[in-house]
PDB file of N, CA and C in Angstrom:
ATOM      1  N   UNK A   1     -69.385 -24.295  -2.065  1.00  0.00           N
ATOM      2  CA  UNK A   1     -69.926 -22.978  -2.409  1.00  0.00           C
ATOM      3  C   UNK A   1     -71.030 -22.859  -3.107  1.00  0.00           C
ATOM      4  N   UNK A   2     -72.016 -22.221  -2.701  1.00  0.00           N
ATOM      5  CA  UNK A   2     -73.052 -21.847  -3.511  1.00  0.00           C
ATOM      6  C   UNK A   2     -73.180 -20.336  -4.155  1.00  0.00           C
ATOM      7  N   UNK A   3     -73.609 -20.183  -5.235  1.00  0.00           N
ATOM      8  CA  UNK A   3     -73.437 -18.840  -5.801  1.00  0.00           C
ATOM      9  C   UNK A   3     -74.884 -18.532  -6.090  1.00  0.00           C
ATOM     10  N   UNK A   4     -75.680 -17.712  -5.801  1.00  0.00           N
ATOM     11  CA  UNK A   4     -76.827 -17.274  -6.101  1.00  0.00           C
ATOM     12  C   UNK A   4     -77.205 -16.676  -7.372  1.00  0.00           C
ATOM     13  N   UNK A   5     -78.154 -17.506  -8.158  1.00  0.00           N
ATOM     14  CA  UNK A   5     -78.236 -17.007  -9.650  1.00  0.00           C
ATOM     15  C   UNK A   5     -79.003 -15.544  -9.623  1.00  0.00           C
ATOM     16  N   UNK A   6     -79.604 -15.080  -8.493  1.00  0.00           N
ATOM     17  CA  UNK A   6     -80.362 -13.727  -8.487  1.00  0.00           C
ATOM     18  C   UNK A   6     -78.942 -12.845  -8.466  1.00  0.00           C
ATOM     19  N   UNK A   7     -77.777 -13.094  -7.849  1.00  0.00           N
ATOM     20  CA  UNK A   7     -76.497 -12.136  -7.797  1.00  0.00           C
ATOM     21  C   UNK A   7     -75.878 -11.751  -9.131  1.00  0.00           C
ATOM     22  N   UNK A   8     -76.297 -12.786 -10.120  1.00  0.00           N
ATOM     23  CA  UNK A   8     -75.591 -12.451 -11.516  1.00  0.00           C
ATOM     24  C   UNK A   8     -76.673 -12.105 -12.413  1.00  0.00           C
ATOM     25  N   UNK A   9     -77.719 -11.786 -12.030  1.00  0.00           N
ATOM     26  CA  UNK A   9     -78.982 -11.519 -12.923  1.00  0.00           C
ATOM     27  C   UNK A   9     -78.630  -9.951 -13.778  1.00  0.00           C
ATOM     28  N   UNK A  10     -78.213  -9.791 -14.981  1.00  0.00           N
ATOM     29  CA  UNK A  10     -77.854  -8.672 -15.493  1.00  0.00           C
ATOM     30  C   UNK A  10     -76.603  -7.869 -15.002  1.00  0.00           C
ATOM     31  N   UNK A  11     -75.610  -8.630 -14.070  1.00  0.00           N
ATOM     32  CA  UNK A  11     -74.605  -8.040 -13.677  1.00  0.00           C
ATOM     33  C   UNK A  11     -73.532  -9.052 -13.380  1.00  0.00           C
ATOM     34  N   UNK A  12     -72.242  -8.667 -13.461  1.00  0.00           N
ATOM     35  CA  UNK A  12     -71.225  -9.643 -13.331  1.00  0.00           C
ATOM     36  C   UNK A  12     -71.148 -10.325 -11.854  1.00  0.00           C
ATOM     37  N   UNK A  13     -71.170 -11.488 -11.660  1.00  0.00           N
ATOM     38  CA  UNK A  13     -70.652 -11.993 -10.376  1.00  0.00           C
ATOM     39  C   UNK A  13     -69.549 -12.696 -10.388  1.00  0.00           C
ATOM     40  N   UNK A  14     -68.571 -12.233  -9.474  1.00  0.00           N
ATOM     41  CA  UNK A  14     -67.256 -12.833  -9.261  1.00  0.00           C
ATOM     42  C   UNK A  14     -67.150 -14.436  -8.721  1.00  0.00           C
ATOM     43  N   UNK A  15     -66.899 -15.493  -9.455  1.00  0.00           N
ATOM     44  CA  UNK A  15     -66.925 -16.677  -8.808  1.00  0.00           C
ATOM     45  C   UNK A  15     -65.614 -16.893  -8.113  1.00  0.00           C
ATOM     46  N   UNK A  16     -64.509 -16.518  -8.628  1.00  0.00           N
ATOM     47  CA  UNK A  16     -63.215 -16.974  -8.512  1.00  0.00           C
ATOM     48  C   UNK A  16     -62.301 -15.689  -8.425  1.00  0.00           C
ATOM     49  N   UNK A  17     -61.504 -15.451  -7.615  1.00  0.00           N
ATOM     50  CA  UNK A  17     -60.538 -14.093  -7.538  1.00  0.00           C
ATOM     51  C   UNK A  17     -59.128 -14.365  -6.986  1.00  0.00           C
ATOM     52  N   UNK A  18     -58.171 -13.601  -7.255  1.00  0.00           N
ATOM     53  CA  UNK A  18     -56.727 -13.996  -6.617  1.00  0.00           C
ATOM     54  C   UNK A  18     -56.773 -13.691  -4.986  1.00  0.00           C
ATOM     55  N   UNK A  19     -55.911 -14.742  -4.426  1.00  0.00           N
ATOM     56  CA  UNK A  19     -56.122 -14.936  -2.789  1.00  0.00           C
ATOM     57  C   UNK A  19     -55.737 -13.031  -2.319  1.00  0.00           C
ATOM     58  N   UNK A  20     -54.667 -12.482  -2.909  1.00  0.00           N
ATOM     59  CA  UNK A  20     -54.269 -11.154  -2.311  1.00  0.00           C
ATOM     60  C   UNK A  20     -55.151 -10.116  -2.834  1.00  0.00           C
ATOM     61  N   UNK A  21     -56.339 -10.361  -3.774  1.00  0.00           N
ATOM     62  CA  UNK A  21     -57.322  -9.349  -4.251  1.00  0.00           C
ATOM     63  C   UNK A  21     -58.483  -9.855  -4.068  1.00  0.00           C
ATOM     64  N   UNK A  22     -58.761 -10.656  -3.095  1.00  0.00           N
ATOM     65  CA  UNK A  22     -60.079 -11.582  -3.011  1.00  0.00           C
ATOM     66  C   UNK A  22     -61.271 -10.517  -3.120  1.00  0.00           C
ATOM     67  N   UNK A  23     -62.243 -10.745  -3.994  1.00  0.00           N
ATOM     68  CA  UNK A  23     -63.523 -10.390  -4.180  1.00  0.00           C
ATOM     69  C   UNK A  23     -64.603 -10.603  -3.199  1.00  0.00           C
ATOM     70  N   UNK A  24     -65.304 -10.115  -2.443  1.00  0.00           N
ATOM     71  CA  UNK A  24     -66.118 -10.663  -1.239  1.00  0.00           C
ATOM     72  C   UNK A  24     -67.002 -11.669  -2.055  1.00  0.00           C
ATOM     73  N   UNK A  25     -67.141 -12.829  -1.552  1.00  0.00           N
ATOM     74  CA  UNK A  25     -68.091 -13.825  -1.701  1.00  0.00           C
ATOM     75  C   UNK A  25     -67.625 -14.955  -2.789  1.00  0.00           C
ATOM     76  N   UNK A  26     -66.136 -14.452  -3.530  1.00  0.00           N
ATOM     77  CA  UNK A  26     -65.683 -15.489  -4.484  1.00  0.00           C
ATOM     78  C   UNK A  26     -64.729 -16.319  -3.873  1.00  0.00           C
ATOM     79  N   UNK A  27     -64.294 -17.488  -4.640  1.00  0.00           N
ATOM     80  CA  UNK A  27     -63.434 -18.659  -4.199  1.00  0.00           C
ATOM     81  C   UNK A  27     -61.871 -17.956  -4.354  1.00  0.00           C
ATOM     82  N   UNK A  28     -60.891 -18.214  -3.553  1.00  0.00           N
ATOM     83  CA  UNK A  28     -59.559 -17.868  -3.668  1.00  0.00           C
ATOM     84  C   UNK A  28     -59.011 -18.616  -4.489  1.00  0.00           C
ATOM     85  N   UNK A  29     -57.845 -17.956  -5.482  1.00  0.00           N
ATOM     86  CA  UNK A  29     -57.009 -18.969  -6.040  1.00  0.00           C
ATOM     87  C   UNK A  29     -55.717 -18.379  -5.815  1.00  0.00           C
ATOM     88  N   UNK A  30     -54.587 -18.935  -6.165  1.00  0.00           N
ATOM     89  CA  UNK A  30     -52.981 -18.689  -5.930  1.00  0.00           C
ATOM     90  C   UNK A  30     -52.601 -18.076  -7.438  1.00  0.00           C
ATOM     91  N   UNK A  31     -53.547 -17.713  -8.314  1.00  0.00           N
ATOM     92  CA  UNK A  31     -53.101 -17.104  -9.626  1.00  0.00           C
ATOM     93  C   UNK A  31     -53.849 -15.613  -9.635  1.00  0.00           C
ATOM     94  N   UNK A  32     -53.224 -14.948 -10.632  1.00  0.00           N
ATOM     95  CA  UNK A  32     -53.687 -13.499 -10.633  1.00  0.00           C
ATOM     96  C   UNK A  32     -54.886 -13.554 -11.803  1.00  0.00           C
ATOM     97  N   UNK A  33     -56.101 -14.020 -11.682  1.00  0.00           N
ATOM     98  CA  UNK A  33     -57.125 -14.256 -12.326  1.00  0.00           C
ATOM     99  C   UNK A  33     -58.256 -14.073 -11.924  1.00  0.00           C
ATOM    100  N   UNK A  34     -59.434 -14.040 -12.667  1.00  0.00           N
ATOM    101  CA  UNK A  34     -60.880 -13.783 -12.109  1.00  0.00           C
ATOM    102  C   UNK A  34     -61.813 -14.376 -13.273  1.00  0.00           C
ATOM    103  N   UNK A  35     -62.691 -15.115 -12.621  1.00  0.00           N
ATOM    104  CA  UNK A  35     -63.676 -15.860 -13.297  1.00  0.00           C
ATOM    105  C   UNK A  35     -64.918 -15.430 -12.811  1.00  0.00           C
ATOM    106  N   UNK A  36     -65.776 -14.859 -13.710  1.00  0.00           N
ATOM    107  CA  UNK A  36     -67.224 -14.128 -13.399  1.00  0.00           C
ATOM    108  C   UNK A  36     -68.244 -14.898 -14.270  1.00  0.00           C
ATOM    109  N   UNK A  37     -69.364 -14.687 -13.871  1.00  0.00           N
ATOM    110  CA  UNK A  37     -70.642 -15.356 -14.787  1.00  0.00           C
ATOM    111  C   UNK A  37     -71.691 -14.295 -14.633  1.00  0.00           C
ATOM    112  N   UNK A  38     -72.485 -14.461 -15.717  1.00  0.00           N
ATOM    113  CA  UNK A  38     -73.614 -13.302 -15.738  1.00  0.00           C
ATOM    114  C   UNK A  38     -74.797 -13.935 -16.462  1.00  0.00           C
ATOM    115  N   UNK A  39     -75.913 -13.773 -16.238  1.00  0.00           N
ATOM    116  CA  UNK A  39     -77.223 -13.990 -16.699  1.00  0.00           C
ATOM    117  C   UNK A  39     -78.009 -12.882 -17.228  1.00  0.00           C
ATOM    118  N   UNK A  40     -77.887 -12.678 -18.625  1.00  0.00           N
ATOM    119  CA  UNK A  40     -78.510 -11.437 -19.151  1.00  0.00           C
ATOM    120  C   UNK A  40     -79.654 -11.846 -19.577  1.00  0.00           C
ATOM    121  N   UNK A  41     -80.722 -10.723 -19.448  1.00  0.00           N
ATOM    122  CA  UNK A  41     -82.085 -10.911 -20.075  1.00  0.00           C
ATOM    123  C   UNK A  41     -81.795 -10.537 -21.538  1.00  0.00           C
ATOM    124  N   UNK A  42     -82.431 -10.853 -22.500  1.00  0.00           N
ATOM    125  CA  UNK A  42     -82.636 -10.687 -24.009  1.00  0.00           C
ATOM    126  C   UNK A  42     -82.815  -9.437 -24.401  1.00  0.00           C
ATOM    127  N   UNK A  43     -81.622  -8.852 -25.081  1.00  0.00           N
ATOM    128  CA  UNK A  43     -81.560  -7.517 -25.348  1.00  0.00           C
ATOM    129  C   UNK A  43     -80.815  -6.659 -24.395  1.00  0.00           C
ATOM    130  N   UNK A  44     -80.345  -7.106 -23.145  1.00  0.00           N
ATOM    131  CA  UNK A  44     -79.941  -6.396 -21.948  1.00  0.00           C
ATOM    132  C   UNK A  44     -78.299  -6.109 -22.487  1.00  0.00           C
ATOM    133  N   UNK A  45     -77.849  -4.942 -22.393  1.00  0.00           N
ATOM    134  CA  UNK A  45     -76.329  -4.833 -22.671  1.00  0.00           C
ATOM    135  C   UNK A  45     -75.412  -4.340 -21.478  1.00  0.00           C
ATOM    136  N   UNK A  46     -74.462  -4.709 -21.415  1.00  0.00           N
ATOM    137  CA  UNK A  46     -73.422  -4.545 -20.146  1.00  0.00           C
ATOM    138  C   UNK A  46     -71.972  -4.310 -20.582  1.00  0.00           C
ATOM    139  N   UNK A  47     -71.254  -3.942 -19.719  1.00  0.00           N
ATOM    140  CA  UNK A  47     -69.804  -3.680 -19.922  1.00  0.00           C
ATOM    141  C   UNK A  47     -69.044  -4.382 -18.931  1.00  0.00           C
ATOM    142  N   UNK A  48     -67.886  -4.909 -19.242  1.00  0.00           N
ATOM    143  CA  UNK A  48     -66.985  -5.592 -18.523  1.00  0.00           C
ATOM    144  C   UNK A  48     -65.875  -4.671 -18.188  1.00  0.00           C
ATOM    145  N   UNK A  49     -65.639  -4.488 -17.014  1.00  0.00           N
ATOM    146  CA  UNK A  49     -64.291  -3.499 -16.514  1.00  0.00           C
ATOM    147  C   UNK A  49     -63.424  -4.288 -16.081  1.00  0.00           C
ATOM    148  N   UNK A  50     -62.139  -4.192 -16.942  1.00  0.00           N
ATOM    149  CA  UNK A  50     -60.913  -5.187 -16.451  1.00  0.00           C
ATOM    150  C   UNK A  50     -60.200  -4.722 -15.222  1.00  0.00           C
ATOM    151  N   UNK A  51     -59.971  -5.729 -14.067  1.00  0.00           N
ATOM    152  CA  UNK A  51     -59.667  -5.347 -12.857  1.00  0.00           C
ATOM    153  C   UNK A  51     -58.087  -4.988 -13.128  1.00  0.00           C
ATOM    154  N   UNK A  52     -57.383  -4.350 -12.000  1.00  0.00           N
ATOM    155  CA  UNK A  52     -56.030  -4.197 -11.855  1.00  0.00           C
ATOM    156  C   UNK A  52     -55.183  -5.308 -12.282  1.00  0.00           C
ATOM    157  N   UNK A  53     -54.305  -5.028 -13.303  1.00  0.00           N
ATOM    158  CA  UNK A  53     -53.440  -6.018 -13.706  1.00  0.00           C
ATOM    159  C   UNK A  53     -53.886  -6.936 -14.774  1.00  0.00           C
ATOM    160  N   UNK A  54     -55.227  -7.054 -14.963  1.00  0.00           N
ATOM    161  CA  UNK A  54     -55.860  -7.702 -16.152  1.00  0.00           C
ATOM    162  C   UNK A  54     -55.462  -7.375 -17.277  1.00  0.00           C
ATOM    163  N   UNK A  55     -54.864  -6.017 -17.417  1.00  0.00           N
ATOM    164  CA  UNK A  55     -54.824  -5.457 -18.859  1.00  0.00           C
ATOM    165  C   UNK A  55     -53.763  -6.261 -19.767  1.00  0.00           C
ATOM    166  N   UNK A  56     -52.802  -7.198 -19.048  1.00  0.00           N
ATOM    167  CA  UNK A  56     -51.860  -7.927 -19.666  1.00  0.00           C
ATOM    168  C   UNK A  56     -52.486  -9.265 -20.298  1.00  0.00           C
ATOM    169  N   UNK A  57     -53.716  -9.460 -19.988  1.00  0.00           N
ATOM    170  CA  UNK A  57     -54.151 -10.728 -20.394  1.00  0.00           C
ATOM    171  C   UNK A  57     -55.430 -10.684 -21.112  1.00  0.00           C
ATOM    172  N   UNK A  58     -55.939 -11.591 -21.914  1.00  0.00           N
ATOM    173  CA  UNK A  58     -56.912 -11.718 -22.679  1.00  0.00           C
ATOM    174  C   UNK A  58     -58.118 -12.350 -22.212  1.00  0.00           C
ATOM    175  N   UNK A  59     -58.965 -11.471 -21.778  1.00  0.00           N
ATOM    176  CA  UNK A  59     -60.645 -11.770 -21.437  1.00  0.00           C
ATOM    177  C   UNK A  59     -61.030 -12.671 -22.482  1.00  0.00           C
ATOM    178  N   UNK A  60     -61.824 -13.787 -21.913  1.00  0.00           N
ATOM    179  CA  UNK A  60     -62.432 -14.877 -22.700  1.00  0.00           C
ATOM    180  C   UNK A  60     -63.827 -14.908 -22.276  1.00  0.00           C
ATOM    181  N   UNK A  61     -64.741 -14.730 -23.478  1.00  0.00           N
ATOM    182  CA  UNK A  61     -66.019 -14.689 -23.159  1.00  0.00           C
ATOM    183  C   UNK A  61     -66.840 -16.109 -23.676  1.00  0.00           C
ATOM    184  N   UNK A  62     -67.599 -16.745 -23.078  1.00  0.00           N
ATOM    185  CA  UNK A  62     -68.256 -17.936 -23.452  1.00  0.00           C
ATOM    186  C   UNK A  62     -69.701 -17.570 -23.247  1.00  0.00           C
ATOM    187  N   UNK A  63     -70.476 -17.833 -24.397  1.00  0.00           N
ATOM    188  CA  UNK A  63     -71.771 -17.572 -24.556  1.00  0.00           C
ATOM    189  C   UNK A  63     -72.395 -18.958 -24.623  1.00  0.00           C
ATOM    190  N   UNK A  64     -73.629 -19.036 -23.721  1.00  0.00           N
ATOM    191  CA  UNK A  64     -74.301 -20.225 -23.670  1.00  0.00           C
ATOM    192  C   UNK A  64     -75.726 -19.850 -23.743  1.00  0.00           C
ATOM    193  N   UNK A  65     -76.403 -19.875 -24.405  1.00  0.00           N
ATOM    194  CA  UNK A  65     -77.934 -19.601 -24.954  1.00  0.00           C
ATOM    195  C   UNK A  65     -78.777 -20.520 -24.129  1.00  0.00           C
ATOM    196  N   UNK A  66     -79.897 -20.012 -23.639  1.00  0.00           N
ATOM    197  CA  UNK A  66     -81.234 -20.787 -23.329  1.00  0.00           C
ATOM    198  C   UNK A  66     -80.916 -22.312 -22.695  1.00  0.00           C
ATOM    199  N   UNK A  67     -79.879 -22.245 -21.743  1.00  0.00           N
ATOM    200  CA  UNK A  67     -79.762 -23.523 -20.937  1.00  0.00           C
ATOM    201  C   UNK A  67     -80.445 -23.373 -19.787  1.00  0.00           C
ATOM    202  N   UNK A  68     -81.282 -24.292 -19.469  1.00  0.00           N
ATOM    203  CA  UNK A  68     -81.947 -24.221 -18.247  1.00  0.00           C
ATOM    204  C   UNK A  68     -81.521 -25.128 -17.203  1.00  0.00           C
ATOM    205  N   UNK A  69     -80.623 -26.106 -17.276  1.00  0.00           N
ATOM    206  CA  UNK A  69     -80.062 -26.972 -16.292  1.00  0.00           C
ATOM    207  C   UNK A  69     -78.587 -27.349 -16.796  1.00  0.00           C
ATOM    208  N   UNK A  70     -77.846 -27.918 -15.552  1.00  0.00           N
ATOM    209  CA  UNK A  70     -76.459 -28.310 -16.033  1.00  0.00           C
ATOM    210  C   UNK A  70     -76.091 -29.136 -17.336  1.00  0.00           C
ATOM    211  N   UNK A  71     -77.021 -30.067 -17.484  1.00  0.00           N
ATOM    212  CA  UNK A  71     -77.023 -30.891 -18.544  1.00  0.00           C
ATOM    213  C   UNK A  71     -77.055 -30.093 -19.703  1.00  0.00           C
ATOM    214  N   UNK A  72     -78.128 -29.080 -19.864  1.00  0.00           N
ATOM    215  CA  UNK A  72     -78.328 -28.383 -21.056  1.00  0.00           C
ATOM    216  C   UNK A  72     -76.847 -27.493 -21.350  1.00  0.00           C
ATOM    217  N   UNK A  73     -76.168 -26.945 -20.179  1.00  0.00           N
ATOM    218  CA  UNK A  73     -75.101 -26.159 -20.386  1.00  0.00           C
ATOM    219  C   UNK A  73     -73.920 -27.163 -20.777  1.00  0.00           C
ATOM    220  N   UNK A  74     -74.010 -28.423 -20.581  1.00  0.00           N
ATOM    221  CA  UNK A  74     -72.868 -29.244 -21.076  1.00  0.00           C
ATOM    222  C   UNK A  74     -73.146 -29.636 -22.428  1.00  0.00           C
ATOM    223  N   UNK A  75     -74.323 -29.630 -22.819  1.00  0.00           N
ATOM    224  CA  UNK A  75     -74.729 -30.310 -24.218  1.00  0.00           C
ATOM    225  C   UNK A  75     -74.374 -28.908 -25.258  1.00  0.00           C
ATOM    226  N   UNK A  76     -74.673 -27.764 -24.456  1.00  0.00           N
ATOM    227  CA  UNK A  76     -74.751 -26.555 -25.416  1.00  0.00           C
ATOM    228  C   UNK A  76     -73.086 -26.331 -25.646  1.00  0.00           C
ATOM    229  N   UNK A  77     -72.242 -26.705 -24.703  1.00  0.00           N
ATOM    230  CA  UNK A  77     -70.782 -26.297 -24.614  1.00  0.00           C
ATOM    231  C   UNK A  77     -70.187 -27.199 -25.719  1.00  0.00           C
ATOM    232  N   UNK A  78     -70.487 -28.615 -25.764  1.00  0.00           N
ATOM    233  CA  UNK A  78     -70.155 -29.624 -26.629  1.00  0.00           C
ATOM    234  C   UNK A  78     -70.484 -29.139 -27.983  1.00  0.00           C
ATOM    235  N   UNK A  79     -71.791 -28.817 -28.044  1.00  0.00           N
ATOM    236  CA  UNK A  79     -72.251 -28.497 -29.637  1.00  0.00           C
ATOM    237  C   UNK A  79     -71.379 -27.366 -30.112  1.00  0.00           C
ATOM    238  N   UNK A  80     -70.985 -26.195 -29.147  1.00  0.00           N
ATOM    239  CA  UNK A  80     -70.358 -24.967 -29.489  1.00  0.00           C
ATOM    240  C   UNK A  80     -68.918 -25.642 -30.028  1.00  0.00           C
ATOM    241  N   UNK A  81     -68.397 -26.422 -29.070  1.00  0.00           N
ATOM    242  CA  UNK A  81     -67.016 -26.733 -29.322  1.00  0.00           C
ATOM    243  C   UNK A  81     -66.941 -27.595 -30.519  1.00  0.00           C
ATOM    244  N   UNK A  82     -68.035 -28.033 -31.227  1.00  0.00           N
ATOM    245  CA  UNK A  82     -67.639 -28.756 -32.426  1.00  0.00           C
ATOM    246  C   UNK A  82     -68.057 -27.907 -33.813  1.00  0.00           C
ATOM    247  N   UNK A  83     -68.703 -26.827 -33.457  1.00  0.00           N
ATOM    248  CA  UNK A  83     -68.973 -25.852 -34.511  1.00  0.00           C
ATOM    249  C   UNK A  83     -67.809 -24.971 -35.190  1.00  0.00           C
ATOM    250  N   UNK A  84     -67.379 -25.315 -36.242  1.00  0.00           N
ATOM    251  CA  UNK A  84     -66.179 -24.576 -36.998  1.00  0.00           C
ATOM    252  C   UNK A  84     -66.567 -23.300 -37.185  1.00  0.00           C
ATOM    253  N   UNK A  85     -65.829 -22.158 -37.208  1.00  0.00           N
ATOM    254  CA  UNK A  85     -66.162 -20.952 -37.678  1.00  0.00           C
ATOM    255  C   UNK A  85     -65.517 -20.602 -38.923  1.00  0.00           C
TER     256      UNK A  85
END
């Protein structure tokens, strides 16, 4: 499946959703969870609205800055994982 980057520019693009509540264009899973992605312009603010049934789960946010390629994303993720808070 190809997800077009233009469809997540400053808005959430749902990549994965439950089979019984499938979001158009997303991949189905046999769990009650959603995975979304967003590419934000610097200074842009947005709000993520929880889907029905998500209130009992903790949303997770992963911030990856300035990565232009998959290799940069992987490197940034490794760097963040090795940073202690």
